[in-house]
Amino acid sequence: NGNFSPLGNRIVGELLTSGTSILDA
């Protein structure tokens, strides 16, 4: 229903860290 906050949280996490965690991937 348009709730993209889980995806947004993962993308922000990706942008703020140097590596991609398996959970975020």
PDB file of all heavy atoms in Angstrom:
ATOM      1  N   ASN A   1       0.815  -1.216   0.000  1.00  0.00           N
ATOM      2  CA  ASN A   1       0.000   0.000   0.000  1.00  0.00           C
ATOM      3  C   ASN A   1       0.854   1.273   0.000  1.00  0.00           C
ATOM      4  O   ASN A   1       0.530   2.255   0.672  1.00  0.00           O
ATOM      5  CB  ASN A   1      -0.968   0.017   1.179  1.00  0.00           C
ATOM      6  CG  ASN A   1      -1.996  -1.064   1.080  1.00  0.00           C
ATOM      7  OD1 ASN A   1      -2.493  -1.347  -0.002  1.00  0.00           O
ATOM      8  ND2 ASN A   1      -2.317  -1.697   2.189  1.00  0.00           N
ATOM      9  N   GLY A   2       1.957   1.245  -0.735  1.00  0.00           N
ATOM     10  CA  GLY A   2       2.792   2.439  -0.873  1.00  0.00           C
ATOM     11  C   GLY A   2       3.734   2.693   0.290  1.00  0.00           C
ATOM     12  O   GLY A   2       4.428   3.700   0.311  1.00  0.00           O
ATOM     13  N   ASN A   3       3.771   1.790   1.270  1.00  0.00           N
ATOM     14  CA  ASN A   3       4.669   1.970   2.418  1.00  0.00           C
ATOM     15  C   ASN A   3       6.073   1.548   2.011  1.00  0.00           C
ATOM     16  O   ASN A   3       6.405   0.369   2.022  1.00  0.00           O
ATOM     17  CB  ASN A   3       4.197   1.145   3.610  1.00  0.00           C
ATOM     18  CG  ASN A   3       5.148   1.249   4.782  1.00  0.00           C
ATOM     19  OD1 ASN A   3       6.015   2.114   4.820  1.00  0.00           O
ATOM     20  ND2 ASN A   3       4.982   0.361   5.742  1.00  0.00           N
ATOM     21  N   PHE A   4       6.897   2.495   1.631  1.00  0.00           N
ATOM     22  CA  PHE A   4       8.249   2.162   1.189  1.00  0.00           C
ATOM     23  C   PHE A   4       9.292   2.465   2.260  1.00  0.00           C
ATOM     24  O   PHE A   4      10.482   2.483   1.974  1.00  0.00           O
ATOM     25  CB  PHE A   4       8.596   2.845  -0.129  1.00  0.00           C
ATOM     26  CG  PHE A   4       8.391   4.332  -0.129  1.00  0.00           C
ATOM     27  CD1 PHE A   4       9.396   5.176   0.296  1.00  0.00           C
ATOM     28  CD2 PHE A   4       7.198   4.878  -0.557  1.00  0.00           C
ATOM     29  CE1 PHE A   4       9.217   6.552   0.292  1.00  0.00           C
ATOM     30  CE2 PHE A   4       7.009   6.247  -0.570  1.00  0.00           C
ATOM     31  CZ  PHE A   4       8.020   7.090  -0.135  1.00  0.00           C
ATOM     32  N   SER A   5       8.882   2.663   3.509  1.00  0.00           N
ATOM     33  CA  SER A   5       9.864   2.968   4.558  1.00  0.00           C
ATOM     34  C   SER A   5      10.863   1.838   4.785  1.00  0.00           C
ATOM     35  O   SER A   5      12.040   2.120   5.021  1.00  0.00           O
ATOM     36  CB  SER A   5       9.177   3.369   5.862  1.00  0.00           C
ATOM     37  OG  SER A   5       8.397   2.331   6.376  1.00  0.00           O
ATOM     38  N   PRO A   6      10.470   0.531   4.706  1.00  0.00           N
ATOM     39  CA  PRO A   6      11.500  -0.506   4.865  1.00  0.00           C
ATOM     40  C   PRO A   6      12.587  -0.413   3.789  1.00  0.00           C
ATOM     41  O   PRO A   6      13.767  -0.555   4.070  1.00  0.00           O
ATOM     42  CB  PRO A   6      10.726  -1.818   4.756  1.00  0.00           C
ATOM     43  CG  PRO A   6       9.332  -1.467   5.162  1.00  0.00           C
ATOM     44  CD  PRO A   6       9.133  -0.063   4.638  1.00  0.00           C
ATOM     45  N   LEU A   7      12.192  -0.152   2.555  1.00  0.00           N
ATOM     46  CA  LEU A   7      13.167   0.009   1.471  1.00  0.00           C
ATOM     47  C   LEU A   7      13.990   1.266   1.689  1.00  0.00           C
ATOM     48  O   LEU A   7      15.214   1.254   1.541  1.00  0.00           O
ATOM     49  CB  LEU A   7      12.463   0.066   0.117  1.00  0.00           C
ATOM     50  CG  LEU A   7      13.359   0.344  -1.092  1.00  0.00           C
ATOM     51  CD1 LEU A   7      14.409  -0.750  -1.242  1.00  0.00           C
ATOM     52  CD2 LEU A   7      12.527   0.464  -2.355  1.00  0.00           C
ATOM     53  N   GLY A   8      13.343   2.346   2.072  1.00  0.00           N
ATOM     54  CA  GLY A   8      14.054   3.597   2.344  1.00  0.00           C
ATOM     55  C   GLY A   8      15.089   3.433   3.437  1.00  0.00           C
ATOM     56  O   GLY A   8      16.211   3.939   3.319  1.00  0.00           O
ATOM     57  N   ASN A   9      14.733   2.707   4.498  1.00  0.00           N
ATOM     58  CA  ASN A   9      15.688   2.457   5.588  1.00  0.00           C
ATOM     59  C   ASN A   9      16.908   1.708   5.082  1.00  0.00           C
ATOM     60  O   ASN A   9      18.039   2.013   5.466  1.00  0.00           O
ATOM     61  CB  ASN A   9      15.026   1.667   6.717  1.00  0.00           C
ATOM     62  CG  ASN A   9      13.991   2.464   7.461  1.00  0.00           C
ATOM     63  OD1 ASN A   9      13.984   3.690   7.403  1.00  0.00           O
ATOM     64  ND2 ASN A   9      13.100   1.778   8.145  1.00  0.00           N
ATOM     65  N   ARG A  10      16.707   0.718   4.236  1.00  0.00           N
ATOM     66  CA  ARG A  10      17.838  -0.062   3.709  1.00  0.00           C
ATOM     67  C   ARG A  10      18.708   0.779   2.781  1.00  0.00           C
ATOM     68  O   ARG A  10      19.928   0.675   2.803  1.00  0.00           O
ATOM     69  CB  ARG A  10      17.334  -1.307   3.009  1.00  0.00           C
ATOM     70  CG  ARG A  10      16.652  -2.267   3.968  1.00  0.00           C
ATOM     71  CD  ARG A  10      16.577  -3.655   3.415  1.00  0.00           C
ATOM     72  NE  ARG A  10      15.826  -4.521   4.287  1.00  0.00           N
ATOM     73  CZ  ARG A  10      16.313  -5.138   5.355  1.00  0.00           C
ATOM     74  NH1 ARG A  10      17.559  -4.942   5.709  1.00  0.00           N
ATOM     75  NH2 ARG A  10      15.569  -5.934   6.083  1.00  0.00           N
ATOM     76  N   ILE A  11      18.087   1.614   1.967  1.00  0.00           N
ATOM     77  CA  ILE A  11      18.864   2.461   1.060  1.00  0.00           C
ATOM     78  C   ILE A  11      19.670   3.482   1.850  1.00  0.00           C
ATOM     79  O   ILE A  11      20.845   3.706   1.560  1.00  0.00           O
ATOM     80  CB  ILE A  11      17.954   3.132   0.013  1.00  0.00           C
ATOM     81  CG1 ILE A  11      17.459   2.072  -0.973  1.00  0.00           C
ATOM     82  CG2 ILE A  11      18.675   4.260  -0.716  1.00  0.00           C
ATOM     83  CD1 ILE A  11      16.473   2.558  -1.997  1.00  0.00           C
ATOM     84  N   VAL A  12      19.065   4.089   2.864  1.00  0.00           N
ATOM     85  CA  VAL A  12      19.806   5.040   3.703  1.00  0.00           C
ATOM     86  C   VAL A  12      20.964   4.324   4.387  1.00  0.00           C
ATOM     87  O   VAL A  12      22.083   4.836   4.443  1.00  0.00           O
ATOM     88  CB  VAL A  12      18.874   5.717   4.736  1.00  0.00           C
ATOM     89  CG1 VAL A  12      19.670   6.454   5.795  1.00  0.00           C
ATOM     90  CG2 VAL A  12      17.924   6.664   4.033  1.00  0.00           C
ATOM     91  N   GLY A  13      20.723   3.125   4.883  1.00  0.00           N
ATOM     92  CA  GLY A  13      21.795   2.337   5.491  1.00  0.00           C
ATOM     93  C   GLY A  13      22.919   2.064   4.513  1.00  0.00           C
ATOM     94  O   GLY A  13      24.102   2.133   4.854  1.00  0.00           O
ATOM     95  N   GLU A  14      22.557   1.795   3.286  1.00  0.00           N
ATOM     96  CA  GLU A  14      23.548   1.544   2.232  1.00  0.00           C
ATOM     97  C   GLU A  14      24.374   2.791   1.961  1.00  0.00           C
ATOM     98  O   GLU A  14      25.587   2.734   1.781  1.00  0.00           O
ATOM     99  CB  GLU A  14      22.832   1.105   0.953  1.00  0.00           C
ATOM    100  CG  GLU A  14      23.737   0.735  -0.167  1.00  0.00           C
ATOM    101  CD  GLU A  14      24.575  -0.485   0.138  1.00  0.00           C
ATOM    102  OE1 GLU A  14      24.093  -1.398   0.798  1.00  0.00           O
ATOM    103  OE2 GLU A  14      25.748  -0.496  -0.302  1.00  0.00           O
ATOM    104  N   LEU A  15      23.730   3.933   1.956  1.00  0.00           N
ATOM    105  CA  LEU A  15      24.418   5.188   1.666  1.00  0.00           C
ATOM    106  C   LEU A  15      25.328   5.633   2.815  1.00  0.00           C
ATOM    107  O   LEU A  15      26.312   6.329   2.588  1.00  0.00           O
ATOM    108  CB  LEU A  15      23.403   6.287   1.349  1.00  0.00           C
ATOM    109  CG  LEU A  15      22.562   6.057   0.098  1.00  0.00           C
ATOM    110  CD1 LEU A  15      21.492   7.134  -0.019  1.00  0.00           C
ATOM    111  CD2 LEU A  15      23.416   5.998  -1.153  1.00  0.00           C
ATOM    112  N   LEU A  16      25.009   5.233   4.045  1.00  0.00           N
ATOM    113  CA  LEU A  16      25.774   5.687   5.198  1.00  0.00           C
ATOM    114  C   LEU A  16      26.877   4.721   5.627  1.00  0.00           C
ATOM    115  O   LEU A  16      27.677   5.055   6.489  1.00  0.00           O
ATOM    116  CB  LEU A  16      24.840   5.940   6.387  1.00  0.00           C
ATOM    117  CG  LEU A  16      23.868   7.111   6.213  1.00  0.00           C
ATOM    118  CD1 LEU A  16      22.951   7.211   7.422  1.00  0.00           C
ATOM    119  CD2 LEU A  16      24.610   8.411   5.996  1.00  0.00           C
ATOM    120  N   THR A  17      26.925   3.535   5.062  1.00  0.00           N
ATOM    121  CA  THR A  17      27.951   2.564   5.453  1.00  0.00           C
ATOM    122  C   THR A  17      28.873   2.264   4.286  1.00  0.00           C
ATOM    123  O   THR A  17      28.540   2.497   3.133  1.00  0.00           O
ATOM    124  CB  THR A  17      27.318   1.249   5.937  1.00  0.00           C
ATOM    125  OG1 THR A  17      26.565   0.675   4.863  1.00  0.00           O
ATOM    126  CG2 THR A  17      26.411   1.469   7.133  1.00  0.00           C
ATOM    127  N   SER A  18      30.027   1.722   4.612  1.00  0.00           N
ATOM    128  CA  SER A  18      31.004   1.437   3.554  1.00  0.00           C
ATOM    129  C   SER A  18      30.779   0.087   2.894  1.00  0.00           C
ATOM    130  O   SER A  18      31.268  -0.154   1.807  1.00  0.00           O
ATOM    131  CB  SER A  18      32.422   1.499   4.113  1.00  0.00           C
ATOM    132  OG  SER A  18      32.574   0.544   5.136  1.00  0.00           O
ATOM    133  N   GLY A  19      30.032  -0.797   3.526  1.00  0.00           N
ATOM    134  CA  GLY A  19      29.803  -2.120   2.955  1.00  0.00           C
ATOM    135  C   GLY A  19      28.334  -2.451   2.908  1.00  0.00           C
ATOM    136  O   GLY A  19      27.518  -1.839   3.588  1.00  0.00           O
ATOM    137  N   THR A  20      27.984  -3.427   2.089  1.00  0.00           N
ATOM    138  CA  THR A  20      26.600  -3.874   1.991  1.00  0.00           C
ATOM    139  C   THR A  20      26.445  -5.124   2.833  1.00  0.00           C
ATOM    140  O   THR A  20      27.110  -6.121   2.581  1.00  0.00           O
ATOM    141  CB  THR A  20      26.237  -4.207   0.531  1.00  0.00           C
ATOM    142  OG1 THR A  20      26.465  -3.062  -0.271  1.00  0.00           O
ATOM    143  CG2 THR A  20      24.781  -4.621   0.413  1.00  0.00           C
ATOM    144  N   SER A  21      25.570  -5.067   3.845  1.00  0.00           N
ATOM    145  CA  SER A  21      25.335  -6.260   4.650  1.00  0.00           C
ATOM    146  C   SER A  21      24.458  -7.221   3.862  1.00  0.00           C
ATOM    147  O   SER A  21      23.685  -6.817   2.997  1.00  0.00           O
ATOM    148  CB  SER A  21      24.669  -5.900   5.983  1.00  0.00           C
ATOM    149  OG  SER A  21      23.301  -5.606   5.777  1.00  0.00           O
ATOM    150  N   ILE A  22      24.573  -8.495   4.174  1.00  0.00           N
ATOM    151  CA  ILE A  22      23.769  -9.507   3.484  1.00  0.00           C
ATOM    152  C   ILE A  22      22.280  -9.266   3.730  1.00  0.00           C
ATOM    153  O   ILE A  22      21.467  -9.442   2.840  1.00  0.00           O
ATOM    154  CB  ILE A  22      24.192 -10.936   3.882  1.00  0.00           C
ATOM    155  CG1 ILE A  22      23.482 -11.979   3.008  1.00  0.00           C
ATOM    156  CG2 ILE A  22      23.927 -11.201   5.341  1.00  0.00           C
ATOM    157  CD1 ILE A  22      23.931 -11.998   1.578  1.00  0.00           C
ATOM    158  N   LEU A  23      21.934  -8.803   4.926  1.00  0.00           N
ATOM    159  CA  LEU A  23      20.524  -8.535   5.224  1.00  0.00           C
ATOM    160  C   LEU A  23      19.983  -7.383   4.383  1.00  0.00           C
ATOM    161  O   LEU A  23      18.852  -7.452   3.873  1.00  0.00           O
ATOM    162  CB  LEU A  23      20.338  -8.235   6.712  1.00  0.00           C
ATOM    163  CG  LEU A  23      20.597  -9.404   7.662  1.00  0.00           C
ATOM    164  CD1 LEU A  23      20.468  -8.954   9.105  1.00  0.00           C
ATOM    165  CD2 LEU A  23      19.657 -10.553   7.369  1.00  0.00           C
ATOM    166  N   ASP A  24      20.778  -6.326   4.220  1.00  0.00           N
ATOM    167  CA  ASP A  24      20.339  -5.215   3.383  1.00  0.00           C
ATOM    168  C   ASP A  24      20.260  -5.627   1.920  1.00  0.00           C
ATOM    169  O   ASP A  24      19.345  -5.236   1.203  1.00  0.00           O
ATOM    170  CB  ASP A  24      21.260  -4.002   3.542  1.00  0.00           C
ATOM    171  CG  ASP A  24      21.003  -3.252   4.837  1.00  0.00           C
ATOM    172  OD1 ASP A  24      19.924  -3.417   5.431  1.00  0.00           O
ATOM    173  OD2 ASP A  24      21.897  -2.498   5.260  1.00  0.00           O
ATOM    174  N   ALA A  25      21.205  -6.428   1.470  1.00  0.00           N
ATOM    175  CA  ALA A  25      21.198  -6.887   0.075  1.00  0.00           C
ATOM    176  C   ALA A  25      19.940  -7.701  -0.204  1.00  0.00           C
ATOM    177  O   ALA A  25      19.268  -7.497  -1.221  1.00  0.00           O
ATOM    178  CB  ALA A  25      22.451  -7.696  -0.223  1.00  0.00           C
TER     179      ALA A  25
END
